[in-house]
Amino acid sequence: MALAAVLIASSDLLPALEQRAAAAGETLRFSDAQPLEALEAITLHSPPLVVLERFFAATPRGAALINRIKADPGCAHAEIRVLSHTGDYSRVVKPSAPAAGAAPAAAAAPSAPAASSPAAAAPARP
């Protein structure tokens, strides 16, 4: 049987997240302390669904994991869901698809704020 989903949450929230995700088929569960192992399983098995508990998704490691999944062309088909273990929050993260010939967002240089107008250069006066 093919892998249906990968779930990632703190150990105490994994059972509730598994019920909320309601993935039909085999699921792999990873604690929030195992993001590298989860990423390895995602790239190896290419599940159609990756579910992250929202508390983990809001951490720097969670955000980095989401960005890595979105940046991997082999995972482009995977739906990334951010769910609350209580059921009061759900969001689908869309993969970022750069335009043809465009540089990836991570490779683009950060833009500096425009300071060409006098209003932008000087602070507002009361």
PDB file of N, CA and C in Angstrom:
ATOM      1  N   MET A   1       0.839  -1.182   0.000  1.00  0.00           N
ATOM      2  CA  MET A   1       0.000   0.000   0.000  1.00  0.00           C
ATOM      3  C   MET A   1       0.884   1.246   0.000  1.00  0.00           C
ATOM      4  N   ALA A   2       0.511   2.241  -0.780  1.00  0.00           N
ATOM      5  CA  ALA A   2       1.274   3.479  -0.872  1.00  0.00           C
ATOM      6  C   ALA A   2       1.046   4.336   0.369  1.00  0.00           C
ATOM      7  N   LEU A   3       2.032   5.135   0.667  1.00  0.00           N
ATOM      8  CA  LEU A   3       1.949   6.028   1.816  1.00  0.00           C
ATOM      9  C   LEU A   3       0.935   7.134   1.532  1.00  0.00           C
ATOM     10  N   ALA A   4      -0.001   7.327   2.442  1.00  0.00           N
ATOM     11  CA  ALA A   4      -1.058   8.331   2.250  1.00  0.00           C
ATOM     12  C   ALA A   4      -0.674   9.697   2.804  1.00  0.00           C
ATOM     13  N   ALA A   5       0.077   9.726   3.927  1.00  0.00           N
ATOM     14  CA  ALA A   5       0.371  11.011   4.551  1.00  0.00           C
ATOM     15  C   ALA A   5       1.564  10.917   5.489  1.00  0.00           C
ATOM     16  N   VAL A   6       2.177  12.077   5.721  1.00  0.00           N
ATOM     17  CA  VAL A   6       3.190  12.241   6.751  1.00  0.00           C
ATOM     18  C   VAL A   6       2.656  13.288   7.713  1.00  0.00           C
ATOM     19  N   LEU A   7       2.662  12.962   9.007  1.00  0.00           N
ATOM     20  CA  LEU A   7       2.166  13.856  10.046  1.00  0.00           C
ATOM     21  C   LEU A   7       3.323  14.299  10.929  1.00  0.00           C
ATOM     22  N   ILE A   8       3.329  15.587  11.289  1.00  0.00           N
ATOM     23  CA  ILE A   8       4.405  16.117  12.122  1.00  0.00           C
ATOM     24  C   ILE A   8       3.788  17.010  13.195  1.00  0.00           C
ATOM     25  N   ALA A   9       4.080  16.680  14.458  1.00  0.00           N
ATOM     26  CA  ALA A   9       3.571  17.451  15.599  1.00  0.00           C
ATOM     27  C   ALA A   9       4.374  17.066  16.825  1.00  0.00           C
ATOM     28  N   SER A  10       4.158  17.781  17.918  1.00  0.00           N
ATOM     29  CA  SER A  10       4.796  17.364  19.159  1.00  0.00           C
ATOM     30  C   SER A  10       4.204  16.002  19.541  1.00  0.00           C
ATOM     31  N   SER A  11       4.979  15.215  20.244  1.00  0.00           N
ATOM     32  CA  SER A  11       4.580  13.842  20.570  1.00  0.00           C
ATOM     33  C   SER A  11       3.212  13.761  21.240  1.00  0.00           C
ATOM     34  N   ASP A  12       2.930  14.707  22.118  1.00  0.00           N
ATOM     35  CA  ASP A  12       1.652  14.664  22.833  1.00  0.00           C
ATOM     36  C   ASP A  12       0.461  15.062  21.954  1.00  0.00           C
ATOM     37  N   LEU A  13       0.710  15.739  20.833  1.00  0.00           N
ATOM     38  CA  LEU A  13      -0.384  16.172  19.957  1.00  0.00           C
ATOM     39  C   LEU A  13      -0.565  15.272  18.729  1.00  0.00           C
ATOM     40  N   LEU A  14       0.354  14.341  18.497  1.00  0.00           N
ATOM     41  CA  LEU A  14       0.252  13.475  17.314  1.00  0.00           C
ATOM     42  C   LEU A  14      -1.045  12.671  17.238  1.00  0.00           C
ATOM     43  N   PRO A  15      -1.511  12.043  18.332  1.00  0.00           N
ATOM     44  CA  PRO A  15      -2.765  11.281  18.214  1.00  0.00           C
ATOM     45  C   PRO A  15      -3.956  12.146  17.788  1.00  0.00           C
ATOM     46  N   ALA A  16      -4.084  13.332  18.371  1.00  0.00           N
ATOM     47  CA  ALA A  16      -5.190  14.223  17.999  1.00  0.00           C
ATOM     48  C   ALA A  16      -5.046  14.700  16.562  1.00  0.00           C
ATOM     49  N   LEU A  17      -3.810  14.984  16.140  1.00  0.00           N
ATOM     50  CA  LEU A  17      -3.578  15.425  14.764  1.00  0.00           C
ATOM     51  C   LEU A  17      -3.917  14.319  13.776  1.00  0.00           C
ATOM     52  N   GLU A  18      -3.590  13.089  14.142  1.00  0.00           N
ATOM     53  CA  GLU A  18      -3.902  11.963  13.262  1.00  0.00           C
ATOM     54  C   GLU A  18      -5.412  11.828  13.063  1.00  0.00           C
ATOM     55  N   GLN A  19      -6.172  12.034  14.109  1.00  0.00           N
ATOM     56  CA  GLN A  19      -7.626  11.984  13.982  1.00  0.00           C
ATOM     57  C   GLN A  19      -8.142  13.123  13.109  1.00  0.00           C
ATOM     58  N   ARG A  20      -7.574  14.322  13.275  1.00  0.00           N
ATOM     59  CA  ARG A  20      -7.992  15.482  12.494  1.00  0.00           C
ATOM     60  C   ARG A  20      -7.626  15.327  11.026  1.00  0.00           C
ATOM     61  N   ALA A  21      -6.470  14.756  10.743  1.00  0.00           N
ATOM     62  CA  ALA A  21      -6.008  14.634   9.362  1.00  0.00           C
ATOM     63  C   ALA A  21      -6.869  13.664   8.575  1.00  0.00           C
ATOM     64  N   ALA A  22      -7.331  12.619   9.215  1.00  0.00           N
ATOM     65  CA  ALA A  22      -8.200  11.617   8.594  1.00  0.00           C
ATOM     66  C   ALA A  22      -7.684  11.169   7.232  1.00  0.00           C
ATOM     67  N   ALA A  23      -6.407  10.837   7.183  1.00  0.00           N
ATOM     68  CA  ALA A  23      -5.810  10.352   5.939  1.00  0.00           C
ATOM     69  C   ALA A  23      -6.215   8.901   5.729  1.00  0.00           C
ATOM     70  N   ALA A  24      -6.665   8.597   4.541  1.00  0.00           N
ATOM     71  CA  ALA A  24      -7.072   7.224   4.214  1.00  0.00           C
ATOM     72  C   ALA A  24      -5.847   6.458   3.750  1.00  0.00           C
ATOM     73  N   GLY A  25      -5.381   5.525   4.559  1.00  0.00           N
ATOM     74  CA  GLY A  25      -4.214   4.730   4.209  1.00  0.00           C
ATOM     75  C   GLY A  25      -3.119   4.855   5.247  1.00  0.00           C
ATOM     76  N   GLU A  26      -1.968   4.367   4.877  1.00  0.00           N
ATOM     77  CA  GLU A  26      -0.829   4.356   5.794  1.00  0.00           C
ATOM     78  C   GLU A  26      -0.286   5.759   6.023  1.00  0.00           C
ATOM     79  N   THR A  27       0.014   6.075   7.276  1.00  0.00           N
ATOM     80  CA  THR A  27       0.616   7.362   7.614  1.00  0.00           C
ATOM     81  C   THR A  27       1.909   7.131   8.383  1.00  0.00           C
ATOM     82  N   LEU A  28       2.846   8.025   8.181  1.00  0.00           N
ATOM     83  CA  LEU A  28       4.068   8.055   8.984  1.00  0.00           C
ATOM     84  C   LEU A  28       3.946   9.237   9.918  1.00  0.00           C
ATOM     85  N   ARG A  29       4.299   9.013  11.181  1.00  0.00           N
ATOM     86  CA  ARG A  29       4.202  10.049  12.199  1.00  0.00           C
ATOM     87  C   ARG A  29       5.595  10.428  12.674  1.00  0.00           C
ATOM     88  N   PHE A  30       5.823  11.723  12.790  1.00  0.00           N
ATOM     89  CA  PHE A  30       7.103  12.231  13.274  1.00  0.00           C
ATOM     90  C   PHE A  30       6.844  13.298  14.326  1.00  0.00           C
ATOM     91  N   SER A  31       7.675  13.285  15.369  1.00  0.00           N
ATOM     92  CA  SER A  31       7.558  14.338  16.372  1.00  0.00           C
ATOM     93  C   SER A  31       8.200  15.600  15.811  1.00  0.00           C
ATOM     94  N   ASP A  32       7.891  16.712  16.423  1.00  0.00           N
ATOM     95  CA  ASP A  32       8.451  17.983  15.972  1.00  0.00           C
ATOM     96  C   ASP A  32       9.961  18.057  16.187  1.00  0.00           C
ATOM     97  N   ALA A  33      10.527  17.100  16.906  1.00  0.00           N
ATOM     98  CA  ALA A  33      11.979  17.029  17.099  1.00  0.00           C
ATOM     99  C   ALA A  33      12.660  16.257  15.969  1.00  0.00           C
ATOM    100  N   GLN A  34      11.886  15.772  14.995  1.00  0.00           N
ATOM    101  CA  GLN A  34      12.429  14.959  13.899  1.00  0.00           C
ATOM    102  C   GLN A  34      12.161  15.568  12.516  1.00  0.00           C
ATOM    103  N   PRO A  35      12.385  16.859  12.324  1.00  0.00           N
ATOM    104  CA  PRO A  35      12.061  17.433  11.013  1.00  0.00           C
ATOM    105  C   PRO A  35      12.925  16.879   9.880  1.00  0.00           C
ATOM    106  N   LEU A  36      14.176  16.556  10.148  1.00  0.00           N
ATOM    107  CA  LEU A  36      15.035  16.015   9.094  1.00  0.00           C
ATOM    108  C   LEU A  36      14.599  14.615   8.681  1.00  0.00           C
ATOM    109  N   GLU A  37      14.194  13.814   9.661  1.00  0.00           N
ATOM    110  CA  GLU A  37      13.698  12.473   9.350  1.00  0.00           C
ATOM    111  C   GLU A  37      12.389  12.563   8.568  1.00  0.00           C
ATOM    112  N   ALA A  38      11.545  13.513   8.941  1.00  0.00           N
ATOM    113  CA  ALA A  38      10.281  13.712   8.229  1.00  0.00           C
ATOM    114  C   ALA A  38      10.558  14.143   6.790  1.00  0.00           C
ATOM    115  N   LEU A  39      11.492  15.060   6.602  1.00  0.00           N
ATOM    116  CA  LEU A  39      11.828  15.518   5.249  1.00  0.00           C
ATOM    117  C   LEU A  39      12.371  14.371   4.407  1.00  0.00           C
ATOM    118  N   GLU A  40      13.206  13.528   5.008  1.00  0.00           N
ATOM    119  CA  GLU A  40      13.746  12.373   4.297  1.00  0.00           C
ATOM    120  C   GLU A  40      12.614  11.428   3.862  1.00  0.00           C
ATOM    121  N   ALA A  41      11.665  11.171   4.744  1.00  0.00           N
ATOM    122  CA  ALA A  41      10.538  10.297   4.408  1.00  0.00           C
ATOM    123  C   ALA A  41       9.669  10.922   3.322  1.00  0.00           C
ATOM    124  N   ILE A  42       9.491  12.228   3.377  1.00  0.00           N
ATOM    125  CA  ILE A  42       8.675  12.923   2.372  1.00  0.00           C
ATOM    126  C   ILE A  42       9.335  12.840   1.004  1.00  0.00           C
ATOM    127  N   THR A  43      10.633  13.076   0.943  1.00  0.00           N
ATOM    128  CA  THR A  43      11.315  13.021  -0.358  1.00  0.00           C
ATOM    129  C   THR A  43      11.434  11.590  -0.870  1.00  0.00           C
ATOM    130  N   LEU A  44      11.550  10.612   0.027  1.00  0.00           N
ATOM    131  CA  LEU A  44      11.682   9.218  -0.378  1.00  0.00           C
ATOM    132  C   LEU A  44      10.355   8.613  -0.828  1.00  0.00           C
ATOM    133  N   HIS A  45       9.280   8.879  -0.078  1.00  0.00           N
ATOM    134  CA  HIS A  45       7.990   8.229  -0.336  1.00  0.00           C
ATOM    135  C   HIS A  45       7.008   9.072  -1.153  1.00  0.00           C
ATOM    136  N   SER A  46       7.259  10.364  -1.287  1.00  0.00           N
ATOM    137  CA  SER A  46       6.383  11.280  -2.027  1.00  0.00           C
ATOM    138  C   SER A  46       4.904  11.120  -1.670  1.00  0.00           C
ATOM    139  N   PRO A  47       4.541  11.328  -0.408  1.00  0.00           N
ATOM    140  CA  PRO A  47       3.127  11.185  -0.032  1.00  0.00           C
ATOM    141  C   PRO A  47       2.297  12.316  -0.651  1.00  0.00           C
ATOM    142  N   PRO A  48       1.027  12.061  -0.907  1.00  0.00           N
ATOM    143  CA  PRO A  48       0.185  13.120  -1.461  1.00  0.00           C
ATOM    144  C   PRO A  48      -0.215  14.173  -0.419  1.00  0.00           C
ATOM    145  N   LEU A  49       0.001  13.865   0.868  1.00  0.00           N
ATOM    146  CA  LEU A  49      -0.420  14.763   1.930  1.00  0.00           C
ATOM    147  C   LEU A  49       0.647  14.855   3.014  1.00  0.00           C
ATOM    148  N   VAL A  50       0.980  16.093   3.404  1.00  0.00           N
ATOM    149  CA  VAL A  50       1.875  16.358   4.528  1.00  0.00           C
ATOM    150  C   VAL A  50       1.099  17.258   5.482  1.00  0.00           C
ATOM    151  N   VAL A  51       0.962  16.810   6.732  1.00  0.00           N
ATOM    152  CA  VAL A  51       0.183  17.557   7.721  1.00  0.00           C
ATOM    153  C   VAL A  51       1.102  17.977   8.858  1.00  0.00           C
ATOM    154  N   LEU A  52       1.095  19.269   9.161  1.00  0.00           N
ATOM    155  CA  LEU A  52       1.872  19.809  10.267  1.00  0.00           C
ATOM    156  C   LEU A  52       0.917  20.432  11.271  1.00  0.00           C
ATOM    157  N   GLU A  53       1.151  20.176  12.552  1.00  0.00           N
ATOM    158  CA  GLU A  53       0.366  20.818  13.596  1.00  0.00           C
ATOM    159  C   GLU A  53       0.740  22.299  13.594  1.00  0.00           C
ATOM    160  N   ARG A  54      -0.212  23.167  13.790  1.00  0.00           N
ATOM    161  CA  ARG A  54       0.036  24.603  13.605  1.00  0.00           C
ATOM    162  C   ARG A  54       1.077  25.172  14.553  1.00  0.00           C
ATOM    163  N   PHE A  55       1.185  24.637  15.772  1.00  0.00           N
ATOM    164  CA  PHE A  55       2.214  25.136  16.686  1.00  0.00           C
ATOM    165  C   PHE A  55       3.609  24.846  16.136  1.00  0.00           C
ATOM    166  N   PHE A  56       3.803  23.651  15.560  1.00  0.00           N
ATOM    167  CA  PHE A  56       5.090  23.325  14.959  1.00  0.00           C
ATOM    168  C   PHE A  56       5.319  24.149  13.698  1.00  0.00           C
ATOM    169  N   ALA A  57       4.290  24.302  12.876  1.00  0.00           N
ATOM    170  CA  ALA A  57       4.426  25.057  11.626  1.00  0.00           C
ATOM    171  C   ALA A  57       4.827  26.506  11.884  1.00  0.00           C
ATOM    172  N   ALA A  58       4.470  27.044  13.041  1.00  0.00           N
ATOM    173  CA  ALA A  58       4.785  28.433  13.378  1.00  0.00           C
ATOM    174  C   ALA A  58       6.209  28.620  13.894  1.00  0.00           C
ATOM    175  N   THR A  59       6.920  27.525  14.137  1.00  0.00           N
ATOM    176  CA  THR A  59       8.298  27.628  14.623  1.00  0.00           C
ATOM    177  C   THR A  59       9.246  27.812  13.447  1.00  0.00           C
ATOM    178  N   PRO A  60      10.462  28.287  13.693  1.00  0.00           N
ATOM    179  CA  PRO A  60      11.430  28.402  12.602  1.00  0.00           C
ATOM    180  C   PRO A  60      11.708  27.058  11.917  1.00  0.00           C
ATOM    181  N   ARG A  61      11.779  25.966  12.692  1.00  0.00           N
ATOM    182  CA  ARG A  61      12.006  24.647  12.079  1.00  0.00           C
ATOM    183  C   ARG A  61      10.823  24.226  11.228  1.00  0.00           C
ATOM    184  N   GLY A  62       9.622  24.517  11.689  1.00  0.00           N
ATOM    185  CA  GLY A  62       8.431  24.184  10.914  1.00  0.00           C
ATOM    186  C   GLY A  62       8.359  24.973   9.621  1.00  0.00           C
ATOM    187  N   ALA A  63       8.636  26.267   9.704  1.00  0.00           N
ATOM    188  CA  ALA A  63       8.628  27.108   8.500  1.00  0.00           C
ATOM    189  C   ALA A  63       9.705  26.661   7.521  1.00  0.00           C
ATOM    190  N   ALA A  64      10.880  26.301   8.036  1.00  0.00           N
ATOM    191  CA  ALA A  64      11.953  25.826   7.164  1.00  0.00           C
ATOM    192  C   ALA A  64      11.565  24.517   6.478  1.00  0.00           C
ATOM    193  N   LEU A  65      10.903  23.639   7.210  1.00  0.00           N
ATOM    194  CA  LEU A  65      10.463  22.374   6.624  1.00  0.00           C
ATOM    195  C   LEU A  65       9.444  22.627   5.511  1.00  0.00           C
ATOM    196  N   ILE A  66       8.494  23.495   5.756  1.00  0.00           N
ATOM    197  CA  ILE A  66       7.503  23.832   4.730  1.00  0.00           C
ATOM    198  C   ILE A  66       8.196  24.395   3.496  1.00  0.00           C
ATOM    199  N   ASN A  67       9.142  25.296   3.698  1.00  0.00           N
ATOM    200  CA  ASN A  67       9.855  25.896   2.563  1.00  0.00           C
ATOM    201  C   ASN A  67      10.664  24.866   1.785  1.00  0.00           C
ATOM    202  N   ARG A  68      11.283  23.928   2.484  1.00  0.00           N
ATOM    203  CA  ARG A  68      12.043  22.869   1.802  1.00  0.00           C
ATOM    204  C   ARG A  68      11.136  21.985   0.966  1.00  0.00           C
ATOM    205  N   ILE A  69       9.974  21.641   1.516  1.00  0.00           N
ATOM    206  CA  ILE A  69       9.022  20.805   0.775  1.00  0.00           C
ATOM    207  C   ILE A  69       8.534  21.559  -0.456  1.00  0.00           C
ATOM    208  N   LYS A  70       8.185  22.832  -0.287  1.00  0.00           N
ATOM    209  CA  LYS A  70       7.689  23.631  -1.398  1.00  0.00           C
ATOM    210  C   LYS A  70       8.743  23.817  -2.492  1.00  0.00           C
ATOM    211  N   ALA A  71      10.014  23.871  -2.101  1.00  0.00           N
ATOM    212  CA  ALA A  71      11.087  24.114  -3.058  1.00  0.00           C
ATOM    213  C   ALA A  71      11.511  22.855  -3.812  1.00  0.00           C
ATOM    214  N   ASP A  72      11.125  21.684  -3.315  1.00  0.00           N
ATOM    215  CA  ASP A  72      11.535  20.418  -3.934  1.00  0.00           C
ATOM    216  C   ASP A  72      10.580  20.067  -5.076  1.00  0.00           C
ATOM    217  N   PRO A  73      11.069  20.043  -6.326  1.00  0.00           N
ATOM    218  CA  PRO A  73      10.193  19.706  -7.454  1.00  0.00           C
ATOM    219  C   PRO A  73       9.584  18.310  -7.328  1.00  0.00           C
ATOM    220  N   GLY A  74      10.256  17.402  -6.660  1.00  0.00           N
ATOM    221  CA  GLY A  74       9.730  16.056  -6.467  1.00  0.00           C
ATOM    222  C   GLY A  74       8.556  15.999  -5.514  1.00  0.00           C
ATOM    223  N   CYS A  75       8.344  17.065  -4.767  1.00  0.00           N
ATOM    224  CA  CYS A  75       7.236  17.125  -3.806  1.00  0.00           C
ATOM    225  C   CYS A  75       6.148  18.092  -4.256  1.00  0.00           C
ATOM    226  N   ALA A  76       6.222  18.548  -5.485  1.00  0.00           N
ATOM    227  CA  ALA A  76       5.273  19.556  -5.975  1.00  0.00           C
ATOM    228  C   ALA A  76       3.830  19.082  -5.908  1.00  0.00           C
ATOM    229  N   HIS A  77       3.616  17.794  -5.993  1.00  0.00           N
ATOM    230  CA  HIS A  77       2.253  17.253  -5.970  1.00  0.00           C
ATOM    231  C   HIS A  77       1.682  17.160  -4.552  1.00  0.00           C
ATOM    232  N   ALA A  78       2.529  17.246  -3.537  1.00  0.00           N
ATOM    233  CA  ALA A  78       2.082  17.067  -2.152  1.00  0.00           C
ATOM    234  C   ALA A  78       1.277  18.268  -1.672  1.00  0.00           C
ATOM    235  N   GLU A  79       0.160  17.978  -1.037  1.00  0.00           N
ATOM    236  CA  GLU A  79      -0.620  19.028  -0.399  1.00  0.00           C
ATOM    237  C   GLU A  79      -0.087  19.176   1.016  1.00  0.00           C
ATOM    238  N   ILE A  80       0.231  20.407   1.401  1.00  0.00           N
ATOM    239  CA  ILE A  80       0.727  20.681   2.744  1.00  0.00           C
ATOM    240  C   ILE A  80      -0.412  21.327   3.519  1.00  0.00           C
ATOM    241  N   ARG A  81      -0.843  20.649   4.582  1.00  0.00           N
ATOM    242  CA  ARG A  81      -1.910  21.182   5.432  1.00  0.00           C
ATOM    243  C   ARG A  81      -1.343  21.537   6.795  1.00  0.00           C
ATOM    244  N   VAL A  82      -1.743  22.673   7.300  1.00  0.00           N
ATOM    245  CA  VAL A  82      -1.415  23.080   8.660  1.00  0.00           C
ATOM    246  C   VAL A  82      -2.730  23.004   9.428  1.00  0.00           C
ATOM    247  N   LEU A  83      -2.758  22.130  10.427  1.00  0.00           N
ATOM    248  CA  LEU A  83      -3.978  21.899  11.196  1.00  0.00           C
ATOM    249  C   LEU A  83      -3.739  22.133  12.678  1.00  0.00           C
ATOM    250  N   SER A  84      -4.799  22.503  13.355  1.00  0.00           N
ATOM    251  CA  SER A  84      -4.784  22.567  14.805  1.00  0.00           C
ATOM    252  C   SER A  84      -5.177  21.203  15.347  1.00  0.00           C
ATOM    253  N   HIS A  85      -4.580  20.804  16.432  1.00  0.00           N
ATOM    254  CA  HIS A  85      -4.944  19.521  17.040  1.00  0.00           C
ATOM    255  C   HIS A  85      -6.349  19.561  17.625  1.00  0.00           C
ATOM    256  N   THR A  86      -6.884  20.767  17.841  1.00  0.00           N
ATOM    257  CA  THR A  86      -8.225  20.907  18.409  1.00  0.00           C
ATOM    258  C   THR A  86      -9.306  21.035  17.345  1.00  0.00           C
ATOM    259  N   GLY A  87      -8.920  21.271  16.116  1.00  0.00           N
ATOM    260  CA  GLY A  87      -9.888  21.377  15.046  1.00  0.00           C
ATOM    261  C   GLY A  87     -10.371  22.781  14.764  1.00  0.00           C
ATOM    262  N   ASP A  88      -9.798  23.788  15.420  1.00  0.00           N
ATOM    263  CA  ASP A  88     -10.273  25.150  15.194  1.00  0.00           C
ATOM    264  C   ASP A  88      -9.457  25.914  14.145  1.00  0.00           C
ATOM    265  N   TYR A  89      -8.499  25.251  13.497  1.00  0.00           N
ATOM    266  CA  TYR A  89      -7.674  25.925  12.506  1.00  0.00           C
ATOM    267  C   TYR A  89      -7.252  24.936  11.426  1.00  0.00           C
ATOM    268  N   SER A  90      -7.327  25.382  10.170  1.00  0.00           N
ATOM    269  CA  SER A  90      -6.905  24.554   9.051  1.00  0.00           C
ATOM    270  C   SER A  90      -6.486  25.475   7.914  1.00  0.00           C
ATOM    271  N   ARG A  91      -5.347  25.172   7.301  1.00  0.00           N
ATOM    272  CA  ARG A  91      -4.855  25.976   6.186  1.00  0.00           C
ATOM    273  C   ARG A  91      -4.094  25.067   5.243  1.00  0.00           C
ATOM    274  N   VAL A  92      -4.254  25.283   3.945  1.00  0.00           N
ATOM    275  CA  VAL A  92      -3.494  24.556   2.938  1.00  0.00           C
ATOM    276  C   VAL A  92      -2.422  25.495   2.418  1.00  0.00           C
ATOM    277  N   VAL A  93      -1.171  25.038   2.448  1.00  0.00           N
ATOM    278  CA  VAL A  93      -0.051  25.832   1.961  1.00  0.00           C
ATOM    279  C   VAL A  93       0.154  25.491   0.497  1.00  0.00           C
ATOM    280  N   LYS A  94       0.077  26.490  -0.339  1.00  0.00           N
ATOM    281  CA  LYS A  94       0.234  26.290  -1.778  1.00  0.00           C
ATOM    282  C   LYS A  94       1.716  26.265  -2.126  1.00  0.00           C
ATOM    283  N   PRO A  95       2.119  25.340  -3.024  1.00  0.00           N
ATOM    284  CA  PRO A  95       3.511  25.340  -3.466  1.00  0.00           C
ATOM    285  C   PRO A  95       3.800  26.582  -4.280  1.00  0.00           C
ATOM    286  N   SER A  96       5.020  27.079  -4.172  1.00  0.00           N
ATOM    287  CA  SER A  96       5.393  28.263  -4.943  1.00  0.00           C
ATOM    288  C   SER A  96       5.943  27.819  -6.285  1.00  0.00           C
ATOM    289  N   ALA A  97       5.336  28.303  -7.340  1.00  0.00           N
ATOM    290  CA  ALA A  97       5.762  27.964  -8.695  1.00  0.00           C
ATOM    291  C   ALA A  97       6.294  29.220  -9.356  1.00  0.00           C
ATOM    292  N   PRO A  98       7.628  29.331  -9.531  1.00  0.00           N
ATOM    293  CA  PRO A  98       8.168  30.523 -10.173  1.00  0.00           C
ATOM    294  C   PRO A  98       7.774  30.561 -11.644  1.00  0.00           C
ATOM    295  N   ALA A  99       7.649  31.749 -12.169  1.00  0.00           N
ATOM    296  CA  ALA A  99       7.327  31.918 -13.577  1.00  0.00           C
ATOM    297  C   ALA A  99       8.465  31.372 -14.431  1.00  0.00           C
ATOM    298  N   ALA A 100       8.149  30.959 -15.629  1.00  0.00           N
ATOM    299  CA  ALA A 100       9.159  30.387 -16.528  1.00  0.00           C
ATOM    300  C   ALA A 100      10.277  31.395 -16.749  1.00  0.00           C
ATOM    301  N   GLY A 101      11.495  30.974 -16.515  1.00  0.00           N
ATOM    302  CA  GLY A 101      12.652  31.832 -16.722  1.00  0.00           C
ATOM    303  C   GLY A 101      12.956  32.744 -15.543  1.00  0.00           C
ATOM    304  N   ALA A 102      12.118  32.757 -14.547  1.00  0.00           N
ATOM    305  CA  ALA A 102      12.343  33.616 -13.391  1.00  0.00           C
ATOM    306  C   ALA A 102      13.250  32.916 -12.399  1.00  0.00           C
ATOM    307  N   ALA A 103      14.018  33.711 -11.680  1.00  0.00           N
ATOM    308  CA  ALA A 103      14.900  33.161 -10.654  1.00  0.00           C
ATOM    309  C   ALA A 103      14.064  32.746  -9.460  1.00  0.00           C
ATOM    310  N   PRO A 104      14.453  31.675  -8.764  1.00  0.00           N
ATOM    311  CA  PRO A 104      13.725  31.277  -7.558  1.00  0.00           C
ATOM    312  C   PRO A 104      13.739  32.402  -6.535  1.00  0.00           C
ATOM    313  N   ALA A 105      12.684  32.481  -5.732  1.00  0.00           N
ATOM    314  CA  ALA A 105      12.555  33.549  -4.748  1.00  0.00           C
ATOM    315  C   ALA A 105      13.726  33.568  -3.779  1.00  0.00           C
ATOM    316  N   ALA A 106      14.243  32.406  -3.403  1.00  0.00           N
ATOM    317  CA  ALA A 106      15.347  32.349  -2.445  1.00  0.00           C
ATOM    318  C   ALA A 106      16.623  32.932  -3.033  1.00  0.00           C
ATOM    319  N   ALA A 107      16.774  32.886  -4.364  1.00  0.00           N
ATOM    320  CA  ALA A 107      17.981  33.389  -5.000  1.00  0.00           C
ATOM    321  C   ALA A 107      17.891  34.873  -5.291  1.00  0.00           C
ATOM    322  N   ALA A 108      16.725  35.449  -5.255  1.00  0.00           N
ATOM    323  CA  ALA A 108      16.560  36.865  -5.552  1.00  0.00           C
ATOM    324  C   ALA A 108      17.131  37.694  -4.411  1.00  0.00           C
ATOM    325  N   ALA A 109      17.737  38.810  -4.769  1.00  0.00           N
ATOM    326  CA  ALA A 109      18.306  39.698  -3.769  1.00  0.00           C
ATOM    327  C   ALA A 109      17.184  40.438  -3.058  1.00  0.00           C
ATOM    328  N   PRO A 110      17.328  40.650  -1.758  1.00  0.00           N
ATOM    329  CA  PRO A 110      16.286  41.387  -1.051  1.00  0.00           C
ATOM    330  C   PRO A 110      16.239  42.816  -1.537  1.00  0.00           C
ATOM    331  N   SER A 111      15.048  43.365  -1.614  1.00  0.00           N
ATOM    332  CA  SER A 111      14.917  44.733  -2.094  1.00  0.00           C
ATOM    333  C   SER A 111      15.002  45.688  -0.922  1.00  0.00           C
ATOM    334  N   ALA A 112      15.662  46.787  -1.158  1.00  0.00           N
ATOM    335  CA  ALA A 112      15.790  47.810  -0.126  1.00  0.00           C
ATOM    336  C   ALA A 112      14.582  48.726  -0.202  1.00  0.00           C
ATOM    337  N   PRO A 113      14.169  49.315   0.927  1.00  0.00           N
ATOM    338  CA  PRO A 113      13.046  50.236   0.885  1.00  0.00           C
ATOM    339  C   PRO A 113      13.379  51.445   0.036  1.00  0.00           C
ATOM    340  N   ALA A 114      12.428  51.931  -0.692  1.00  0.00           N
ATOM    341  CA  ALA A 114      12.641  53.084  -1.552  1.00  0.00           C
ATOM    342  C   ALA A 114      12.769  54.326  -0.697  1.00  0.00           C
ATOM    343  N   ALA A 115      13.861  55.047  -0.898  1.00  0.00           N
ATOM    344  CA  ALA A 115      14.092  56.278  -0.142  1.00  0.00           C
ATOM    345  C   ALA A 115      14.290  57.439  -1.095  1.00  0.00           C
ATOM    346  N   SER A 116      13.739  57.351  -2.293  1.00  0.00           N
ATOM    347  CA  SER A 116      13.950  58.392  -3.281  1.00  0.00           C
ATOM    348  C   SER A 116      13.069  59.610  -3.033  1.00  0.00           C
ATOM    349  N   SER A 117      11.955  59.446  -2.370  1.00  0.00           N
ATOM    350  CA  SER A 117      11.085  60.596  -2.119  1.00  0.00           C
ATOM    351  C   SER A 117      11.448  61.226  -0.781  1.00  0.00           C
ATOM    352  N   PRO A 118      11.313  62.543  -0.673  1.00  0.00           N
ATOM    353  CA  PRO A 118      11.637  63.210   0.596  1.00  0.00           C
ATOM    354  C   PRO A 118      10.782  62.700   1.750  1.00  0.00           C
ATOM    355  N   ALA A 119       9.528  62.322   1.467  1.00  0.00           N
ATOM    356  CA  ALA A 119       8.656  61.827   2.539  1.00  0.00           C
ATOM    357  C   ALA A 119       9.164  60.517   3.107  1.00  0.00           C
ATOM    358  N   ALA A 120       9.764  59.686   2.254  1.00  0.00           N
ATOM    359  CA  ALA A 120      10.274  58.397   2.718  1.00  0.00           C
ATOM    360  C   ALA A 120      11.574  58.574   3.487  1.00  0.00           C
ATOM    361  N   ALA A 121      12.351  59.617   3.160  1.00  0.00           N
ATOM    362  CA  ALA A 121      13.642  59.814   3.799  1.00  0.00           C
ATOM    363  C   ALA A 121      13.526  60.518   5.133  1.00  0.00           C
ATOM    364  N   ALA A 122      12.556  61.417   5.270  1.00  0.00           N
ATOM    365  CA  ALA A 122      12.428  62.189   6.496  1.00  0.00           C
ATOM    366  C   ALA A 122      11.307  61.629   7.371  1.00  0.00           C
ATOM    367  N   PRO A 123      11.501  61.655   8.698  1.00  0.00           N
ATOM    368  CA  PRO A 123      10.430  61.187   9.573  1.00  0.00           C
ATOM    369  C   PRO A 123       9.254  62.167   9.550  1.00  0.00           C
ATOM    370  N   ALA A 124       8.084  61.671   9.817  1.00  0.00           N
ATOM    371  CA  ALA A 124       6.887  62.503   9.842  1.00  0.00           C
ATOM    372  C   ALA A 124       6.950  63.451  11.025  1.00  0.00           C
ATOM    373  N   ARG A 125       6.469  64.685  10.821  1.00  0.00           N
ATOM    374  CA  ARG A 125       6.479  65.672  11.899  1.00  0.00           C
ATOM    375  C   ARG A 125       5.098  65.824  12.464  1.00  0.00           C
ATOM    376  N   PRO A 126       5.011  65.973  13.772  1.00  0.00           N
ATOM    377  CA  PRO A 126       3.685  66.125  14.399  1.00  0.00           C
ATOM    378  C   PRO A 126       3.039  67.440  14.074  1.00  0.00           C
TER     379      PRO A 126
END
